[in-house]
């Protein structure tokens, strides 16, 4: 992802939005401000690199309700909550739901900027991870069912003779499948193939 990160500010208080825009832009970030969660949802198109600074209490959708919607949509935009009316249970729920921080108003601008830096770095790492997963998914999807079956045995450390016996194949057929697997997975060694397979999150399921 090459786009410059954007800091999204969602707060129904005009003065807060204007103040945050000035502080964040002064630190060199792109800033977009929204007066409501609904306005943000109408304008935001994932994936965009950056982070979300989100008020808790707002007319219409609240900050936690917006967080819930973003989670349901599998949006990984890091969130920093800001509020003048926070409670411990609200803060705990926000953090448990994936928020990076929960900051009470008034807050120190330097502290906020440090949190933003941390969020953007986290967003960059998440984007790099998703890119790697996409690449691995495409490579795995190129394998035939038999090649995938052979690969599972190869990654488990079984020699060709054992794989041939387990799958009722000839050793030459297993060798041919292994060559195709290495080519399609773009692996130059068995160790590299194992690393690639282990790097693909099991929770994603098979392509």
C-alpha atoms as a PDB file:
ATOM      1  CA  UNK A   1       0.000   0.000   0.000  1.00  0.00           C
ATOM      2  CA  UNK A   2       1.623   3.279  -1.116  1.00  0.00           C
ATOM      3  CA  UNK A   3      -0.986   5.905  -0.175  1.00  0.00           C
ATOM      4  CA  UNK A   4      -0.032   8.337   2.557  1.00  0.00           C
ATOM      5  CA  UNK A   5      -1.778   7.438   5.839  1.00  0.00           C
ATOM      6  CA  UNK A   6      -4.893   9.400   6.764  1.00  0.00           C
ATOM      7  CA  UNK A   7      -6.076  10.173  10.291  1.00  0.00           C
ATOM      8  CA  UNK A   8      -9.876  10.074  10.461  1.00  0.00           C
ATOM      9  CA  UNK A   9     -11.510  12.157  13.208  1.00  0.00           C
ATOM     10  CA  UNK A  10     -15.149  11.464  14.107  1.00  0.00           C
ATOM     11  CA  UNK A  11     -16.608  13.819  16.729  1.00  0.00           C
ATOM     12  CA  UNK A  12     -19.859  15.767  16.834  1.00  0.00           C
ATOM     13  CA  UNK A  13     -18.143  18.773  18.493  1.00  0.00           C
ATOM     14  CA  UNK A  14     -16.984  21.224  15.820  1.00  0.00           C
ATOM     15  CA  UNK A  15     -14.403  22.821  18.110  1.00  0.00           C
ATOM     16  CA  UNK A  16     -12.869  19.438  18.907  1.00  0.00           C
ATOM     17  CA  UNK A  17     -12.727  18.468  15.243  1.00  0.00           C
ATOM     18  CA  UNK A  18     -11.076  21.743  14.268  1.00  0.00           C
ATOM     19  CA  UNK A  19      -8.576  21.535  17.129  1.00  0.00           C
ATOM     20  CA  UNK A  20      -7.644  17.946  16.315  1.00  0.00           C
ATOM     21  CA  UNK A  21      -7.284  18.742  12.630  1.00  0.00           C
ATOM     22  CA  UNK A  22      -4.839  21.560  13.426  1.00  0.00           C
ATOM     23  CA  UNK A  23      -2.780  19.462  15.847  1.00  0.00           C
ATOM     24  CA  UNK A  24      -2.607  16.401  13.600  1.00  0.00           C
ATOM     25  CA  UNK A  25      -1.948  18.297  10.359  1.00  0.00           C
ATOM     26  CA  UNK A  26       0.822  20.215  12.157  1.00  0.00           C
ATOM     27  CA  UNK A  27       2.501  16.851  12.648  1.00  0.00           C
ATOM     28  CA  UNK A  28       2.421  16.140   8.918  1.00  0.00           C
ATOM     29  CA  UNK A  29      -0.552  13.782   8.671  1.00  0.00           C
ATOM     30  CA  UNK A  30      -3.456  13.862   6.236  1.00  0.00           C
ATOM     31  CA  UNK A  31      -6.681  14.479   8.167  1.00  0.00           C
ATOM     32  CA  UNK A  32     -10.360  13.913   7.379  1.00  0.00           C
ATOM     33  CA  UNK A  33     -13.006  14.996   9.898  1.00  0.00           C
ATOM     34  CA  UNK A  34     -16.625  13.861  10.265  1.00  0.00           C
ATOM     35  CA  UNK A  35     -19.411  15.133  12.505  1.00  0.00           C
ATOM     36  CA  UNK A  36     -21.047  11.733  12.879  1.00  0.00           C
ATOM     37  CA  UNK A  37     -20.403   8.022  12.584  1.00  0.00           C
ATOM     38  CA  UNK A  38     -22.937   7.889   9.753  1.00  0.00           C
ATOM     39  CA  UNK A  39     -21.020  10.527   7.780  1.00  0.00           C
ATOM     40  CA  UNK A  40     -17.794   8.588   8.235  1.00  0.00           C
ATOM     41  CA  UNK A  41     -19.398   5.328   7.107  1.00  0.00           C
ATOM     42  CA  UNK A  42     -20.754   7.050   4.016  1.00  0.00           C
ATOM     43  CA  UNK A  43     -17.329   8.313   2.997  1.00  0.00           C
ATOM     44  CA  UNK A  44     -14.871   5.627   4.114  1.00  0.00           C
ATOM     45  CA  UNK A  45     -13.884   2.917   1.628  1.00  0.00           C
ATOM     46  CA  UNK A  46     -11.521   0.262   3.012  1.00  0.00           C
ATOM     47  CA  UNK A  47      -8.761  -0.543   2.917  1.00  0.00           C
ATOM     48  CA  UNK A  48      -7.222   2.866   3.592  1.00  0.00           C
ATOM     49  CA  UNK A  49      -4.089   3.210   5.669  1.00  0.00           C
ATOM     50  CA  UNK A  50      -4.259   5.303   8.833  1.00  0.00           C
ATOM     51  CA  UNK A  51      -6.195   5.349  12.072  1.00  0.00           C
ATOM     52  CA  UNK A  52      -9.538   6.482  13.481  1.00  0.00           C
ATOM     53  CA  UNK A  53      -9.920   8.936  16.357  1.00  0.00           C
ATOM     54  CA  UNK A  54     -13.428   8.343  17.600  1.00  0.00           C
ATOM     55  CA  UNK A  55     -15.668  10.077  20.137  1.00  0.00           C
ATOM     56  CA  UNK A  56     -17.713   7.814  22.400  1.00  0.00           C
ATOM     57  CA  UNK A  57     -20.968   9.743  22.761  1.00  0.00           C
ATOM     58  CA  UNK A  58     -22.515  11.176  19.598  1.00  0.00           C
ATOM     59  CA  UNK A  59     -26.035  11.667  18.222  1.00  0.00           C
ATOM     60  CA  UNK A  60     -27.059   8.690  16.109  1.00  0.00           C
ATOM     61  CA  UNK A  61     -24.492   5.918  16.129  1.00  0.00           C
ATOM     62  CA  UNK A  62     -22.193   6.053  19.134  1.00  0.00           C
ATOM     63  CA  UNK A  63     -18.459   5.427  18.917  1.00  0.00           C
ATOM     64  CA  UNK A  64     -18.718   1.864  20.281  1.00  0.00           C
ATOM     65  CA  UNK A  65     -21.569   1.128  17.852  1.00  0.00           C
ATOM     66  CA  UNK A  66     -19.399   2.304  14.956  1.00  0.00           C
ATOM     67  CA  UNK A  67     -16.551   0.131  16.243  1.00  0.00           C
ATOM     68  CA  UNK A  68     -18.901  -2.864  16.281  1.00  0.00           C
ATOM     69  CA  UNK A  69     -19.979  -2.210  12.685  1.00  0.00           C
ATOM     70  CA  UNK A  70     -16.375  -1.873  11.516  1.00  0.00           C
ATOM     71  CA  UNK A  71     -15.462  -5.130  13.241  1.00  0.00           C
ATOM     72  CA  UNK A  72     -18.387  -6.880  11.552  1.00  0.00           C
ATOM     73  CA  UNK A  73     -17.109  -5.581   8.220  1.00  0.00           C
ATOM     74  CA  UNK A  74     -13.617  -6.860   9.062  1.00  0.00           C
ATOM     75  CA  UNK A  75     -12.198  -3.353   8.876  1.00  0.00           C
ATOM     76  CA  UNK A  76      -8.811  -3.331  10.627  1.00  0.00           C
ATOM     77  CA  UNK A  77      -8.483   0.460  10.930  1.00  0.00           C
ATOM     78  CA  UNK A  78      -6.893   1.055  14.383  1.00  0.00           C
ATOM     79  CA  UNK A  79      -9.135   3.062  16.729  1.00  0.00           C
ATOM     80  CA  UNK A  80      -8.301   5.588  19.446  1.00  0.00           C
ATOM     81  CA  UNK A  81     -11.346   6.524  21.521  1.00  0.00           C
ATOM     82  CA  UNK A  82     -11.583  10.001  23.026  1.00  0.00           C
ATOM     83  CA  UNK A  83     -14.286  11.048  25.466  1.00  0.00           C
ATOM     84  CA  UNK A  84     -15.220  13.403  28.273  1.00  0.00           C
ATOM     85  CA  UNK A  85     -17.741  10.922  29.680  1.00  0.00           C
ATOM     86  CA  UNK A  86     -15.885   7.618  29.759  1.00  0.00           C
ATOM     87  CA  UNK A  87     -16.424   4.877  32.293  1.00  0.00           C
ATOM     88  CA  UNK A  88     -14.173   1.957  33.148  1.00  0.00           C
ATOM     89  CA  UNK A  89     -16.608  -0.649  31.732  1.00  0.00           C
ATOM     90  CA  UNK A  90     -16.900   1.325  28.476  1.00  0.00           C
ATOM     91  CA  UNK A  91     -13.133   1.595  28.192  1.00  0.00           C
ATOM     92  CA  UNK A  92     -12.655  -2.109  28.912  1.00  0.00           C
ATOM     93  CA  UNK A  93     -15.228  -3.117  26.298  1.00  0.00           C
ATOM     94  CA  UNK A  94     -13.617  -0.831  23.714  1.00  0.00           C
ATOM     95  CA  UNK A  95     -10.152  -2.280  24.306  1.00  0.00           C
ATOM     96  CA  UNK A  96     -11.486  -5.855  24.331  1.00  0.00           C
ATOM     97  CA  UNK A  97     -13.127  -5.112  20.973  1.00  0.00           C
ATOM     98  CA  UNK A  98      -9.788  -4.084  19.489  1.00  0.00           C
ATOM     99  CA  UNK A  99      -9.360  -0.365  20.225  1.00  0.00           C
ATOM    100  CA  UNK A 100      -5.740   0.720  20.620  1.00  0.00           C
ATOM    101  CA  UNK A 101      -6.434   3.264  23.364  1.00  0.00           C
ATOM    102  CA  UNK A 102      -9.138   5.064  25.308  1.00  0.00           C
ATOM    103  CA  UNK A 103      -8.242   8.670  26.153  1.00  0.00           C
ATOM    104  CA  UNK A 104     -10.135  11.038  28.428  1.00  0.00           C
ATOM    105  CA  UNK A 105     -10.705  14.691  27.443  1.00  0.00           C
ATOM    106  CA  UNK A 106      -8.882  16.982  27.957  1.00  0.00           C
ATOM    107  CA  UNK A 107      -5.783  15.155  26.809  1.00  0.00           C
ATOM    108  CA  UNK A 108      -2.156  15.976  26.112  1.00  0.00           C
ATOM    109  CA  UNK A 109      -1.596  16.562  22.391  1.00  0.00           C
ATOM    110  CA  UNK A 110       1.871  15.028  22.496  1.00  0.00           C
ATOM    111  CA  UNK A 111       0.468  11.840  24.018  1.00  0.00           C
ATOM    112  CA  UNK A 112      -2.203  11.708  21.329  1.00  0.00           C
ATOM    113  CA  UNK A 113       0.352  12.164  18.540  1.00  0.00           C
ATOM    114  CA  UNK A 114       2.447   9.338  19.999  1.00  0.00           C
ATOM    115  CA  UNK A 115      -0.622   7.078  19.982  1.00  0.00           C
ATOM    116  CA  UNK A 116      -1.321   8.046  16.358  1.00  0.00           C
ATOM    117  CA  UNK A 117       2.255   7.140  15.387  1.00  0.00           C
ATOM    118  CA  UNK A 118       1.783   3.745  17.061  1.00  0.00           C
ATOM    119  CA  UNK A 119      -1.550   3.199  15.303  1.00  0.00           C
ATOM    120  CA  UNK A 120      -0.179   4.021  11.863  1.00  0.00           C
ATOM    121  CA  UNK A 121       2.770   1.696  12.394  1.00  0.00           C
ATOM    122  CA  UNK A 122       0.338  -1.044  13.411  1.00  0.00           C
ATOM    123  CA  UNK A 123      -1.784  -0.331  10.333  1.00  0.00           C
ATOM    124  CA  UNK A 124       1.288  -0.622   8.084  1.00  0.00           C
ATOM    125  CA  UNK A 125       2.198  -3.972   9.626  1.00  0.00           C
ATOM    126  CA  UNK A 126      -1.374  -5.222   9.216  1.00  0.00           C
ATOM    127  CA  UNK A 127      -1.400  -4.125   5.560  1.00  0.00           C
ATOM    128  CA  UNK A 128       1.912  -5.900   4.893  1.00  0.00           C
ATOM    129  CA  UNK A 129       0.560  -9.036   6.565  1.00  0.00           C
ATOM    130  CA  UNK A 130      -2.620  -8.962   4.463  1.00  0.00           C
ATOM    131  CA  UNK A 131      -0.538  -8.549   1.287  1.00  0.00           C
ATOM    132  CA  UNK A 132       1.552 -11.589   2.203  1.00  0.00           C
ATOM    133  CA  UNK A 133      -1.596 -13.599   2.938  1.00  0.00           C
ATOM    134  CA  UNK A 134      -3.077 -12.628  -0.424  1.00  0.00           C
ATOM    135  CA  UNK A 135       0.080 -13.789  -2.224  1.00  0.00           C
ATOM    136  CA  UNK A 136       0.093 -17.118  -0.386  1.00  0.00           C
ATOM    137  CA  UNK A 137      -3.625 -17.574  -1.013  1.00  0.00           C
ATOM    138  CA  UNK A 138      -3.121 -17.180  -4.777  1.00  0.00           C
ATOM    139  CA  UNK A 139      -0.245 -19.645  -4.790  1.00  0.00           C
ATOM    140  CA  UNK A 140      -2.199 -22.204  -2.788  1.00  0.00           C
ATOM    141  CA  UNK A 141      -5.245 -21.735  -5.008  1.00  0.00           C
ATOM    142  CA  UNK A 142      -3.110 -22.676  -8.027  1.00  0.00           C
ATOM    143  CA  UNK A 143      -2.475 -26.171  -6.599  1.00  0.00           C
ATOM    144  CA  UNK A 144      -4.616 -29.092  -7.732  1.00  0.00           C
ATOM    145  CA  UNK A 145      -6.350 -31.153  -5.016  1.00  0.00           C
ATOM    146  CA  UNK A 146      -3.752 -33.917  -5.483  1.00  0.00           C
ATOM    147  CA  UNK A 147      -0.865 -31.450  -5.289  1.00  0.00           C
ATOM    148  CA  UNK A 148      -2.307 -30.016  -2.094  1.00  0.00           C
ATOM    149  CA  UNK A 149      -2.602 -33.534  -0.681  1.00  0.00           C
ATOM    150  CA  UNK A 150       0.999 -34.345  -1.573  1.00  0.00           C
ATOM    151  CA  UNK A 151       2.162 -31.006  -0.137  1.00  0.00           C
ATOM    152  CA  UNK A 152       0.553 -31.776   3.206  1.00  0.00           C
ATOM    153  CA  UNK A 153       2.584 -34.982   3.386  1.00  0.00           C
ATOM    154  CA  UNK A 154       5.761 -33.205   2.245  1.00  0.00           C
ATOM    155  CA  UNK A 155       5.386 -30.478   4.867  1.00  0.00           C
ATOM    156  CA  UNK A 156       4.808 -33.181   7.480  1.00  0.00           C
ATOM    157  CA  UNK A 157       8.340 -34.381   6.693  1.00  0.00           C
ATOM    158  CA  UNK A 158       7.478 -37.645   4.952  1.00  0.00           C
ATOM    159  CA  UNK A 159       9.909 -39.014   2.317  1.00  0.00           C
ATOM    160  CA  UNK A 160       8.724 -39.661  -1.225  1.00  0.00           C
ATOM    161  CA  UNK A 161       8.577 -43.418  -0.697  1.00  0.00           C
ATOM    162  CA  UNK A 162       6.255 -43.038   2.296  1.00  0.00           C
ATOM    163  CA  UNK A 163       4.064 -40.488   0.480  1.00  0.00           C
ATOM    164  CA  UNK A 164       3.768 -42.815  -2.517  1.00  0.00           C
ATOM    165  CA  UNK A 165       2.659 -45.668  -0.268  1.00  0.00           C
ATOM    166  CA  UNK A 166       0.183 -43.533   1.700  1.00  0.00           C
ATOM    167  CA  UNK A 167      -1.440 -42.112  -1.446  1.00  0.00           C
ATOM    168  CA  UNK A 168      -1.141 -45.222  -3.641  1.00  0.00           C
ATOM    169  CA  UNK A 169       1.065 -43.408  -6.147  1.00  0.00           C
ATOM    170  CA  UNK A 170       4.344 -44.216  -7.840  1.00  0.00           C
ATOM    171  CA  UNK A 171       7.475 -42.532  -6.534  1.00  0.00           C
ATOM    172  CA  UNK A 172       7.940 -40.826  -9.939  1.00  0.00           C
ATOM    173  CA  UNK A 173       4.416 -39.404  -9.704  1.00  0.00           C
ATOM    174  CA  UNK A 174       5.143 -38.053  -6.231  1.00  0.00           C
ATOM    175  CA  UNK A 175       8.384 -36.512  -7.501  1.00  0.00           C
ATOM    176  CA  UNK A 176       6.483 -34.866 -10.371  1.00  0.00           C
ATOM    177  CA  UNK A 177       3.890 -33.457  -7.964  1.00  0.00           C
ATOM    178  CA  UNK A 178       6.628 -32.155  -5.652  1.00  0.00           C
ATOM    179  CA  UNK A 179       8.295 -30.355  -8.559  1.00  0.00           C
ATOM    180  CA  UNK A 180       4.991 -28.724  -9.533  1.00  0.00           C
ATOM    181  CA  UNK A 181       4.303 -27.756  -5.920  1.00  0.00           C
ATOM    182  CA  UNK A 182       7.705 -26.078  -5.549  1.00  0.00           C
ATOM    183  CA  UNK A 183       7.153 -24.230  -8.828  1.00  0.00           C
ATOM    184  CA  UNK A 184       3.652 -22.997  -8.025  1.00  0.00           C
ATOM    185  CA  UNK A 185       4.525 -22.049  -4.441  1.00  0.00           C
ATOM    186  CA  UNK A 186       7.729 -20.351  -5.691  1.00  0.00           C
ATOM    187  CA  UNK A 187       9.719 -22.172  -3.027  1.00  0.00           C
ATOM    188  CA  UNK A 188      13.400 -22.893  -3.628  1.00  0.00           C
ATOM    189  CA  UNK A 189      13.837 -25.416  -0.817  1.00  0.00           C
ATOM    190  CA  UNK A 190      11.815 -27.676   1.441  1.00  0.00           C
ATOM    191  CA  UNK A 191      12.488 -25.332   4.359  1.00  0.00           C
ATOM    192  CA  UNK A 192      11.088 -22.388   2.398  1.00  0.00           C
ATOM    193  CA  UNK A 193       7.996 -24.392   1.439  1.00  0.00           C
ATOM    194  CA  UNK A 194       7.378 -25.273   5.084  1.00  0.00           C
ATOM    195  CA  UNK A 195       7.741 -21.607   6.114  1.00  0.00           C
ATOM    196  CA  UNK A 196       5.274 -20.508   3.435  1.00  0.00           C
ATOM    197  CA  UNK A 197       2.663 -23.064   4.457  1.00  0.00           C
ATOM    198  CA  UNK A 198       3.052 -22.294   8.157  1.00  0.00           C
ATOM    199  CA  UNK A 199       2.816 -18.556   7.452  1.00  0.00           C
ATOM    200  CA  UNK A 200      -0.668 -18.939   5.970  1.00  0.00           C
ATOM    201  CA  UNK A 201      -3.194 -18.507   8.814  1.00  0.00           C
ATOM    202  CA  UNK A 202      -5.165 -21.687   9.390  1.00  0.00           C
ATOM    203  CA  UNK A 203      -8.163 -19.606  10.457  1.00  0.00           C
ATOM    204  CA  UNK A 204      -8.489 -18.341   6.881  1.00  0.00           C
ATOM    205  CA  UNK A 205      -9.428 -21.790   5.722  1.00  0.00           C
ATOM    206  CA  UNK A 206      -8.440 -23.382   2.459  1.00  0.00           C
ATOM    207  CA  UNK A 207      -8.789 -21.412  -0.773  1.00  0.00           C
END
